[in-house]
mmCIF file of all heavy atoms, coordinates in Angstrom:
data_MODEL
# 
_entry.id   MODEL 
# 
loop_
_atom_site.group_PDB 
_atom_site.id 
_atom_site.type_symbol 
_atom_site.label_atom_id 
_atom_site.label_alt_id 
_atom_site.label_comp_id 
_atom_site.label_asym_id 
_atom_site.label_entity_id 
_atom_site.label_seq_id 
_atom_site.pdbx_PDB_ins_code 
_atom_site.Cartn_x 
_atom_site.Cartn_y 
_atom_site.Cartn_z 
_atom_site.occupancy 
_atom_site.B_iso_or_equiv 
_atom_site.pdbx_formal_charge 
_atom_site.auth_seq_id 
_atom_site.auth_comp_id 
_atom_site.auth_asym_id 
_atom_site.auth_atom_id 
_atom_site.pdbx_PDB_model_num 
ATOM 1   N N   . THR A 1 1  ? 115.239 19.427 264.974 1.00 0.00 ? 1  THR A N   1 
ATOM 2   C CA  . THR A 1 1  ? 114.591 20.714 264.696 1.00 0.00 ? 1  THR A CA  1 
ATOM 3   C C   . THR A 1 1  ? 114.580 21.589 265.949 1.00 0.00 ? 1  THR A C   1 
ATOM 4   O O   . THR A 1 1  ? 114.850 22.793 265.896 1.00 0.00 ? 1  THR A O   1 
ATOM 5   C CB  . THR A 1 1  ? 113.145 20.484 264.217 1.00 0.00 ? 1  THR A CB  1 
ATOM 6   O OG1 . THR A 1 1  ? 113.158 19.688 263.036 1.00 0.00 ? 1  THR A OG1 1 
ATOM 7   C CG2 . THR A 1 1  ? 112.450 21.812 263.933 1.00 0.00 ? 1  THR A CG2 1 
ATOM 8   N N   . LYS A 1 2  ? 114.272 20.977 267.088 1.00 0.00 ? 2  LYS A N   1 
ATOM 9   C CA  . LYS A 1 2  ? 114.230 21.728 268.346 1.00 0.00 ? 2  LYS A CA  1 
ATOM 10  C C   . LYS A 1 2  ? 115.625 22.233 268.721 1.00 0.00 ? 2  LYS A C   1 
ATOM 11  O O   . LYS A 1 2  ? 115.801 23.394 269.108 1.00 0.00 ? 2  LYS A O   1 
ATOM 12  C CB  . LYS A 1 2  ? 113.683 20.833 269.467 1.00 0.00 ? 2  LYS A CB  1 
ATOM 13  C CG  . LYS A 1 2  ? 112.239 20.387 269.278 1.00 0.00 ? 2  LYS A CG  1 
ATOM 14  C CD  . LYS A 1 2  ? 111.836 19.386 270.370 1.00 0.00 ? 2  LYS A CD  1 
ATOM 15  C CE  . LYS A 1 2  ? 110.430 18.849 270.152 1.00 0.00 ? 2  LYS A CE  1 
ATOM 16  N NZ  . LYS A 1 2  ? 109.379 19.857 270.358 1.00 0.00 ? 2  LYS A NZ  1 
ATOM 17  N N   . LEU A 1 3  ? 116.629 21.374 268.614 1.00 0.00 ? 3  LEU A N   1 
ATOM 18  C CA  . LEU A 1 3  ? 117.975 21.727 269.052 1.00 0.00 ? 3  LEU A CA  1 
ATOM 19  C C   . LEU A 1 3  ? 118.671 22.685 268.086 1.00 0.00 ? 3  LEU A C   1 
ATOM 20  O O   . LEU A 1 3  ? 119.672 23.316 268.459 1.00 0.00 ? 3  LEU A O   1 
ATOM 21  C CB  . LEU A 1 3  ? 118.818 20.461 269.233 1.00 0.00 ? 3  LEU A CB  1 
ATOM 22  C CG  . LEU A 1 3  ? 118.338 19.511 270.344 1.00 0.00 ? 3  LEU A CG  1 
ATOM 23  C CD1 . LEU A 1 3  ? 119.155 18.219 270.342 1.00 0.00 ? 3  LEU A CD1 1 
ATOM 24  C CD2 . LEU A 1 3  ? 118.419 20.177 271.710 1.00 0.00 ? 3  LEU A CD2 1 
ATOM 25  N N   . ASN A 1 4  ? 118.170 22.811 266.857 1.00 0.00 ? 4  ASN A N   1 
ATOM 26  C CA  . ASN A 1 4  ? 118.723 23.777 265.906 1.00 0.00 ? 4  ASN A CA  1 
ATOM 27  C C   . ASN A 1 4  ? 118.098 25.155 266.075 1.00 0.00 ? 4  ASN A C   1 
ATOM 28  O O   . ASN A 1 4  ? 118.560 26.131 265.462 1.00 0.00 ? 4  ASN A O   1 
ATOM 29  C CB  . ASN A 1 4  ? 118.507 23.296 264.466 1.00 0.00 ? 4  ASN A CB  1 
ATOM 30  C CG  . ASN A 1 4  ? 119.441 22.156 264.115 1.00 0.00 ? 4  ASN A CG  1 
ATOM 31  O OD1 . ASN A 1 4  ? 120.487 21.978 264.745 1.00 0.00 ? 4  ASN A OD1 1 
ATOM 32  N ND2 . ASN A 1 4  ? 119.072 21.360 263.109 1.00 0.00 ? 4  ASN A ND2 1 
ATOM 33  N N   . ASP A 1 5  ? 117.027 25.233 266.868 1.00 0.00 ? 5  ASP A N   1 
ATOM 34  C CA  . ASP A 1 5  ? 116.357 26.508 267.114 1.00 0.00 ? 5  ASP A CA  1 
ATOM 35  C C   . ASP A 1 5  ? 117.174 27.319 268.117 1.00 0.00 ? 5  ASP A C   1 
ATOM 36  O O   . ASP A 1 5  ? 118.016 26.790 268.850 1.00 0.00 ? 5  ASP A O   1 
ATOM 37  C CB  . ASP A 1 5  ? 114.951 26.243 267.654 1.00 0.00 ? 5  ASP A CB  1 
ATOM 38  C CG  . ASP A 1 5  ? 114.017 27.427 267.469 1.00 0.00 ? 5  ASP A CG  1 
ATOM 39  O OD1 . ASP A 1 5  ? 114.481 28.471 266.980 1.00 0.00 ? 5  ASP A OD1 1 
ATOM 40  O OD2 . ASP A 1 5  ? 112.833 27.306 267.834 1.00 0.00 ? 5  ASP A OD2 1 
ATOM 41  N N   . ASN A 1 6  ? 116.922 28.638 268.183 1.00 0.00 ? 6  ASN A N   1 
ATOM 42  C CA  . ASN A 1 6  ? 117.621 29.453 269.175 1.00 0.00 ? 6  ASN A CA  1 
ATOM 43  C C   . ASN A 1 6  ? 116.870 29.437 270.500 1.00 0.00 ? 6  ASN A C   1 
ATOM 44  O O   . ASN A 1 6  ? 115.664 29.140 270.550 1.00 0.00 ? 6  ASN A O   1 
ATOM 45  C CB  . ASN A 1 6  ? 117.808 30.891 268.673 1.00 0.00 ? 6  ASN A CB  1 
ATOM 46  C CG  . ASN A 1 6  ? 116.472 31.609 268.477 1.00 0.00 ? 6  ASN A CG  1 
ATOM 47  O OD1 . ASN A 1 6  ? 115.835 32.025 269.433 1.00 0.00 ? 6  ASN A OD1 1 
ATOM 48  N ND2 . ASN A 1 6  ? 116.054 31.740 267.210 1.00 0.00 ? 6  ASN A ND2 1 
ATOM 49  N N   . LEU A 1 7  ? 117.569 29.747 271.592 1.00 0.00 ? 7  LEU A N   1 
ATOM 50  C CA  . LEU A 1 7  ? 117.005 29.616 272.935 1.00 0.00 ? 7  LEU A CA  1 
ATOM 51  C C   . LEU A 1 7  ? 115.824 30.553 273.164 1.00 0.00 ? 7  LEU A C   1 
ATOM 52  O O   . LEU A 1 7  ? 114.877 30.200 273.884 1.00 0.00 ? 7  LEU A O   1 
ATOM 53  C CB  . LEU A 1 7  ? 118.089 29.868 273.984 1.00 0.00 ? 7  LEU A CB  1 
ATOM 54  C CG  . LEU A 1 7  ? 119.186 28.804 274.077 1.00 0.00 ? 7  LEU A CG  1 
ATOM 55  C CD1 . LEU A 1 7  ? 120.233 29.209 275.093 1.00 0.00 ? 7  LEU A CD1 1 
ATOM 56  C CD2 . LEU A 1 7  ? 118.591 27.447 274.446 1.00 0.00 ? 7  LEU A CD2 1 
ATOM 57  N N   . TRP A 1 8  ? 115.864 31.748 272.583 1.00 0.00 ? 8  TRP A N   1 
ATOM 58  C CA  . TRP A 1 8  ? 114.753 32.678 272.766 1.00 0.00 ? 8  TRP A CA  1 
ATOM 59  C C   . TRP A 1 8  ? 113.474 32.114 272.147 1.00 0.00 ? 8  TRP A C   1 
ATOM 60  O O   . TRP A 1 8  ? 112.400 32.203 272.745 1.00 0.00 ? 8  TRP A O   1 
ATOM 61  C CB  . TRP A 1 8  ? 115.082 34.025 272.146 1.00 0.00 ? 8  TRP A CB  1 
ATOM 62  C CG  . TRP A 1 8  ? 113.952 35.016 272.183 1.00 0.00 ? 8  TRP A CG  1 
ATOM 63  C CD1 . TRP A 1 8  ? 113.274 35.528 271.126 1.00 0.00 ? 8  TRP A CD1 1 
ATOM 64  C CD2 . TRP A 1 8  ? 113.336 35.575 273.356 1.00 0.00 ? 8  TRP A CD2 1 
ATOM 65  N NE1 . TRP A 1 8  ? 112.277 36.383 271.543 1.00 0.00 ? 8  TRP A NE1 1 
ATOM 66  C CE2 . TRP A 1 8  ? 112.296 36.438 272.916 1.00 0.00 ? 8  TRP A CE2 1 
ATOM 67  C CE3 . TRP A 1 8  ? 113.560 35.436 274.715 1.00 0.00 ? 8  TRP A CE3 1 
ATOM 68  C CZ2 . TRP A 1 8  ? 111.490 37.150 273.798 1.00 0.00 ? 8  TRP A CZ2 1 
ATOM 69  C CZ3 . TRP A 1 8  ? 112.754 36.154 275.597 1.00 0.00 ? 8  TRP A CZ3 1 
ATOM 70  C CH2 . TRP A 1 8  ? 111.741 36.992 275.144 1.00 0.00 ? 8  TRP A CH2 1 
ATOM 71  N N   . SER A 1 9  ? 113.606 31.535 270.961 1.00 0.00 ? 9  SER A N   1 
ATOM 72  C CA  . SER A 1 9  ? 112.450 30.918 270.306 1.00 0.00 ? 9  SER A CA  1 
ATOM 73  C C   . SER A 1 9  ? 111.911 29.767 271.146 1.00 0.00 ? 9  SER A C   1 
ATOM 74  O O   . SER A 1 9  ? 110.692 29.638 271.343 1.00 0.00 ? 9  SER A O   1 
ATOM 75  C CB  . SER A 1 9  ? 112.849 30.417 268.917 1.00 0.00 ? 9  SER A CB  1 
ATOM 76  O OG  . SER A 1 9  ? 111.814 29.651 268.337 1.00 0.00 ? 9  SER A OG  1 
ATOM 77  N N   . ILE A 1 10 ? 112.817 28.938 271.659 1.00 0.00 ? 10 ILE A N   1 
ATOM 78  C CA  . ILE A 1 10 ? 112.409 27.808 272.502 1.00 0.00 ? 10 ILE A CA  1 
ATOM 79  C C   . ILE A 1 10 ? 111.667 28.309 273.733 1.00 0.00 ? 10 ILE A C   1 
ATOM 80  O O   . ILE A 1 10 ? 110.627 27.752 274.118 1.00 0.00 ? 10 ILE A O   1 
ATOM 81  C CB  . ILE A 1 10 ? 113.647 26.987 272.925 1.00 0.00 ? 10 ILE A CB  1 
ATOM 82  C CG1 . ILE A 1 10 ? 114.237 26.242 271.722 1.00 0.00 ? 10 ILE A CG1 1 
ATOM 83  C CG2 . ILE A 1 10 ? 113.298 26.001 274.040 1.00 0.00 ? 10 ILE A CG2 1 
ATOM 84  C CD1 . ILE A 1 10 ? 113.367 25.144 271.168 1.00 0.00 ? 10 ILE A CD1 1 
ATOM 85  N N   . PHE A 1 11 ? 112.182 29.364 274.352 1.00 0.00 ? 11 PHE A N   1 
ATOM 86  C CA  . PHE A 1 11 ? 111.560 29.914 275.556 1.00 0.00 ? 11 PHE A CA  1 
ATOM 87  C C   . PHE A 1 11 ? 110.139 30.410 275.256 1.00 0.00 ? 11 PHE A C   1 
ATOM 88  O O   . PHE A 1 11 ? 109.192 30.088 275.991 1.00 0.00 ? 11 PHE A O   1 
ATOM 89  C CB  . PHE A 1 11 ? 112.417 31.055 276.104 1.00 0.00 ? 11 PHE A CB  1 
ATOM 90  C CG  . PHE A 1 11 ? 111.831 31.740 277.300 1.00 0.00 ? 11 PHE A CG  1 
ATOM 91  C CD1 . PHE A 1 11 ? 111.933 31.177 278.568 1.00 0.00 ? 11 PHE A CD1 1 
ATOM 92  C CD2 . PHE A 1 11 ? 111.152 32.954 277.164 1.00 0.00 ? 11 PHE A CD2 1 
ATOM 93  C CE1 . PHE A 1 11 ? 111.380 31.799 279.682 1.00 0.00 ? 11 PHE A CE1 1 
ATOM 94  C CE2 . PHE A 1 11 ? 110.597 33.586 278.266 1.00 0.00 ? 11 PHE A CE2 1 
ATOM 95  C CZ  . PHE A 1 11 ? 110.721 33.006 279.523 1.00 0.00 ? 11 PHE A CZ  1 
ATOM 96  N N   . LEU A 1 12 ? 109.981 31.189 274.183 1.00 0.00 ? 12 LEU A N   1 
ATOM 97  C CA  . LEU A 1 12 ? 108.661 31.731 273.854 1.00 0.00 ? 12 LEU A CA  1 
ATOM 98  C C   . LEU A 1 12 ? 107.661 30.620 273.511 1.00 0.00 ? 12 LEU A C   1 
ATOM 99  O O   . LEU A 1 12 ? 106.491 30.673 273.933 1.00 0.00 ? 12 LEU A O   1 
ATOM 100 C CB  . LEU A 1 12 ? 108.772 32.702 272.685 1.00 0.00 ? 12 LEU A CB  1 
ATOM 101 C CG  . LEU A 1 12 ? 109.262 34.115 273.007 1.00 0.00 ? 12 LEU A CG  1 
ATOM 102 C CD1 . LEU A 1 12 ? 109.273 34.962 271.746 1.00 0.00 ? 12 LEU A CD1 1 
ATOM 103 C CD2 . LEU A 1 12 ? 108.390 34.766 274.077 1.00 0.00 ? 12 LEU A CD2 1 
ATOM 104 N N   . LEU A 1 13 ? 108.112 29.625 272.755 1.00 0.00 ? 13 LEU A N   1 
ATOM 105 C CA  . LEU A 1 13 ? 107.215 28.526 272.397 1.00 0.00 ? 13 LEU A CA  1 
ATOM 106 C C   . LEU A 1 13 ? 106.798 27.738 273.646 1.00 0.00 ? 13 LEU A C   1 
ATOM 107 O O   . LEU A 1 13 ? 105.664 27.235 273.711 1.00 0.00 ? 13 LEU A O   1 
ATOM 108 C CB  . LEU A 1 13 ? 107.901 27.596 271.397 1.00 0.00 ? 13 LEU A CB  1 
ATOM 109 C CG  . LEU A 1 13 ? 108.163 28.198 269.997 1.00 0.00 ? 13 LEU A CG  1 
ATOM 110 C CD1 . LEU A 1 13 ? 108.949 27.227 269.129 1.00 0.00 ? 13 LEU A CD1 1 
ATOM 111 C CD2 . LEU A 1 13 ? 106.849 28.586 269.314 1.00 0.00 ? 13 LEU A CD2 1 
ATOM 112 N N   . ALA A 1 14 ? 107.690 27.661 274.621 1.00 0.00 ? 14 ALA A N   1 
ATOM 113 C CA  . ALA A 1 14 ? 107.350 26.987 275.877 1.00 0.00 ? 14 ALA A CA  1 
ATOM 114 C C   . ALA A 1 14 ? 106.353 27.822 276.677 1.00 0.00 ? 14 ALA A C   1 
ATOM 115 O O   . ALA A 1 14 ? 105.452 27.271 277.332 1.00 0.00 ? 14 ALA A O   1 
ATOM 116 C CB  . ALA A 1 14 ? 108.614 26.739 276.695 1.00 0.00 ? 14 ALA A CB  1 
ATOM 117 N N   . VAL A 1 15 ? 106.498 29.152 276.642 1.00 0.00 ? 15 VAL A N   1 
ATOM 118 C CA  . VAL A 1 15 ? 105.532 30.033 277.316 1.00 0.00 ? 15 VAL A CA  1 
ATOM 119 C C   . VAL A 1 15 ? 104.146 29.832 276.715 1.00 0.00 ? 15 VAL A C   1 
ATOM 120 O O   . VAL A 1 15 ? 103.149 29.643 277.438 1.00 0.00 ? 15 VAL A O   1 
ATOM 121 C CB  . VAL A 1 15 ? 105.962 31.517 277.179 1.00 0.00 ? 15 VAL A CB  1 
ATOM 122 C CG1 . VAL A 1 15 ? 104.832 32.444 277.656 1.00 0.00 ? 15 VAL A CG1 1 
ATOM 123 C CG2 . VAL A 1 15 ? 107.225 31.781 277.986 1.00 0.00 ? 15 VAL A CG2 1 
ATOM 124 N N   . PHE A 1 16 ? 104.056 29.872 275.377 1.00 0.00 ? 16 PHE A N   1 
ATOM 125 C CA  . PHE A 1 16 ? 102.765 29.702 274.709 1.00 0.00 ? 16 PHE A CA  1 
ATOM 126 C C   . PHE A 1 16 ? 102.142 28.348 275.048 1.00 0.00 ? 16 PHE A C   1 
ATOM 127 O O   . PHE A 1 16 ? 100.923 28.238 275.238 1.00 0.00 ? 16 PHE A O   1 
ATOM 128 C CB  . PHE A 1 16 ? 102.940 29.822 273.184 1.00 0.00 ? 16 PHE A CB  1 
ATOM 129 C CG  . PHE A 1 16 ? 103.448 31.154 272.727 1.00 0.00 ? 16 PHE A CG  1 
ATOM 130 C CD1 . PHE A 1 16 ? 104.169 31.274 271.542 1.00 0.00 ? 16 PHE A CD1 1 
ATOM 131 C CD2 . PHE A 1 16 ? 103.232 32.302 273.479 1.00 0.00 ? 16 PHE A CD2 1 
ATOM 132 C CE1 . PHE A 1 16 ? 104.642 32.499 271.113 1.00 0.00 ? 16 PHE A CE1 1 
ATOM 133 C CE2 . PHE A 1 16 ? 103.701 33.547 273.056 1.00 0.00 ? 16 PHE A CE2 1 
ATOM 134 C CZ  . PHE A 1 16 ? 104.414 33.636 271.875 1.00 0.00 ? 16 PHE A CZ  1 
ATOM 135 N N   . CYS A 1 17 ? 102.991 27.322 275.132 1.00 0.00 ? 17 CYS A N   1 
ATOM 136 C CA  . CYS A 1 17 ? 102.497 25.978 275.420 1.00 0.00 ? 17 CYS A CA  1 
ATOM 137 C C   . CYS A 1 17 ? 101.773 25.935 276.759 1.00 0.00 ? 17 CYS A C   1 
ATOM 138 O O   . CYS A 1 17 ? 100.648 25.428 276.852 1.00 0.00 ? 17 CYS A O   1 
ATOM 139 C CB  . CYS A 1 17 ? 103.660 24.984 275.427 1.00 0.00 ? 17 CYS A CB  1 
ATOM 140 S SG  . CYS A 1 17 ? 103.208 23.329 275.997 1.00 0.00 ? 17 CYS A SG  1 
ATOM 141 N N   . ASN A 1 18 ? 102.383 26.488 277.802 1.00 0.00 ? 18 ASN A N   1 
ATOM 142 C CA  . ASN A 1 18 ? 101.778 26.306 279.118 1.00 0.00 ? 18 ASN A CA  1 
ATOM 143 C C   . ASN A 1 18 ? 100.624 27.254 279.391 1.00 0.00 ? 18 ASN A C   1 
ATOM 144 O O   . ASN A 1 18 ? 99.874  27.042 280.339 1.00 0.00 ? 18 ASN A O   1 
ATOM 145 C CB  . ASN A 1 18 ? 102.828 26.413 280.229 1.00 0.00 ? 18 ASN A CB  1 
ATOM 146 C CG  . ASN A 1 18 ? 102.774 25.208 281.143 1.00 0.00 ? 18 ASN A CG  1 
ATOM 147 O OD1 . ASN A 1 18 ? 102.555 24.091 280.667 1.00 0.00 ? 18 ASN A OD1 1 
ATOM 148 N ND2 . ASN A 1 18 ? 102.938 25.400 282.439 1.00 0.00 ? 18 ASN A ND2 1 
ATOM 149 N N   . VAL A 1 19 ? 100.467 28.286 278.565 1.00 0.00 ? 19 VAL A N   1 
ATOM 150 C CA  . VAL A 1 19 ? 99.219  29.058 278.639 1.00 0.00 ? 19 VAL A CA  1 
ATOM 151 C C   . VAL A 1 19 ? 98.060  28.135 278.277 1.00 0.00 ? 19 VAL A C   1 
ATOM 152 O O   . VAL A 1 19 ? 97.015  28.116 278.943 1.00 0.00 ? 19 VAL A O   1 
ATOM 153 C CB  . VAL A 1 19 ? 99.273  30.268 277.691 1.00 0.00 ? 19 VAL A CB  1 
ATOM 154 C CG1 . VAL A 1 19 ? 97.894  30.933 277.594 1.00 0.00 ? 19 VAL A CG1 1 
ATOM 155 C CG2 . VAL A 1 19 ? 100.304 31.292 278.170 1.00 0.00 ? 19 VAL A CG2 1 
ATOM 156 N N   . LEU A 1 20 ? 98.254  27.358 277.226 1.00 0.00 ? 20 LEU A N   1 
ATOM 157 C CA  . LEU A 1 20 ? 97.211  26.417 276.801 1.00 0.00 ? 20 LEU A CA  1 
ATOM 158 C C   . LEU A 1 20 ? 97.036  25.282 277.808 1.00 0.00 ? 20 LEU A C   1 
ATOM 159 O O   . LEU A 1 20 ? 95.910  24.833 278.061 1.00 0.00 ? 20 LEU A O   1 
ATOM 160 C CB  . LEU A 1 20 ? 97.561  25.844 275.429 1.00 0.00 ? 20 LEU A CB  1 
ATOM 161 C CG  . LEU A 1 20 ? 97.501  26.831 274.254 1.00 0.00 ? 20 LEU A CG  1 
ATOM 162 C CD1 . LEU A 1 20 ? 98.075  26.202 272.988 1.00 0.00 ? 20 LEU A CD1 1 
ATOM 163 C CD2 . LEU A 1 20 ? 96.073  27.291 274.022 1.00 0.00 ? 20 LEU A CD2 1 
ATOM 164 N N   . ILE A 1 21 ? 98.148  24.805 278.389 1.00 0.00 ? 21 ILE A N   1 
ATOM 165 C CA  . ILE A 1 21 ? 98.050  23.730 279.376 1.00 0.00 ? 21 ILE A CA  1 
ATOM 166 C C   . ILE A 1 21 ? 97.273  24.195 280.597 1.00 0.00 ? 21 ILE A C   1 
ATOM 167 O O   . ILE A 1 21 ? 96.443  23.455 281.146 1.00 0.00 ? 21 ILE A O   1 
ATOM 168 C CB  . ILE A 1 21 ? 99.455  23.237 279.785 1.00 0.00 ? 21 ILE A CB  1 
ATOM 169 C CG1 . ILE A 1 21 ? 100.119 22.505 278.621 1.00 0.00 ? 21 ILE A CG1 1 
ATOM 170 C CG2 . ILE A 1 21 ? 99.382  22.311 281.003 1.00 0.00 ? 21 ILE A CG2 1 
ATOM 171 C CD1 . ILE A 1 21 ? 99.403  21.250 278.176 1.00 0.00 ? 21 ILE A CD1 1 
ATOM 172 N N   . PHE A 1 22 ? 97.500  25.437 281.029 1.00 0.00 ? 22 PHE A N   1 
ATOM 173 C CA  . PHE A 1 22 ? 96.739  25.954 282.170 1.00 0.00 ? 22 PHE A CA  1 
ATOM 174 C C   . PHE A 1 22 ? 95.248  26.000 281.849 1.00 0.00 ? 22 PHE A C   1 
ATOM 175 O O   . PHE A 1 22 ? 94.416  25.611 282.671 1.00 0.00 ? 22 PHE A O   1 
ATOM 176 C CB  . PHE A 1 22 ? 97.214  27.350 282.569 1.00 0.00 ? 22 PHE A CB  1 
ATOM 177 C CG  . PHE A 1 22 ? 96.335  27.997 283.605 1.00 0.00 ? 22 PHE A CG  1 
ATOM 178 C CD1 . PHE A 1 22 ? 96.405  27.601 284.936 1.00 0.00 ? 22 PHE A CD1 1 
ATOM 179 C CD2 . PHE A 1 22 ? 95.399  28.968 283.253 1.00 0.00 ? 22 PHE A CD2 1 
ATOM 180 C CE1 . PHE A 1 22 ? 95.579  28.161 285.897 1.00 0.00 ? 22 PHE A CE1 1 
ATOM 181 C CE2 . PHE A 1 22 ? 94.576  29.537 284.203 1.00 0.00 ? 22 PHE A CE2 1 
ATOM 182 C CZ  . PHE A 1 22 ? 94.664  29.131 285.532 1.00 0.00 ? 22 PHE A CZ  1 
ATOM 183 N N   . LEU A 1 23 ? 94.912  26.472 280.657 1.00 0.00 ? 23 LEU A N   1 
ATOM 184 C CA  . LEU A 1 23 ? 93.501  26.527 280.265 1.00 0.00 ? 23 LEU A CA  1 
ATOM 185 C C   . LEU A 1 23 ? 92.889  25.125 280.280 1.00 0.00 ? 23 LEU A C   1 
ATOM 186 O O   . LEU A 1 23 ? 91.751  24.934 280.730 1.00 0.00 ? 23 LEU A O   1 
ATOM 187 C CB  . LEU A 1 23 ? 93.366  27.151 278.874 1.00 0.00 ? 23 LEU A CB  1 
ATOM 188 C CG  . LEU A 1 23 ? 93.651  28.661 278.772 1.00 0.00 ? 23 LEU A CG  1 
ATOM 189 C CD1 . LEU A 1 23 ? 93.668  29.098 277.318 1.00 0.00 ? 23 LEU A CD1 1 
ATOM 190 C CD2 . LEU A 1 23 ? 92.611  29.450 279.563 1.00 0.00 ? 23 LEU A CD2 1 
ATOM 191 N N   . ALA A 1 24 ? 93.651  24.143 279.800 1.00 0.00 ? 24 ALA A N   1 
ATOM 192 C CA  . ALA A 1 24 ? 93.141  22.772 279.749 1.00 0.00 ? 24 ALA A CA  1 
ATOM 193 C C   . ALA A 1 24 ? 92.972  22.180 281.151 1.00 0.00 ? 24 ALA A C   1 
ATOM 194 O O   . ALA A 1 24 ? 91.922  21.619 281.485 1.00 0.00 ? 24 ALA A O   1 
ATOM 195 C CB  . ALA A 1 24 ? 94.078  21.902 278.918 1.00 0.00 ? 24 ALA A CB  1 
# 
């Protein structure tokens, strides 16, 4: 599922992830 996604989507989802990681 991850590798079938496009790179822009992967990049944005990674950005959202580490916003939450920083808060944690």
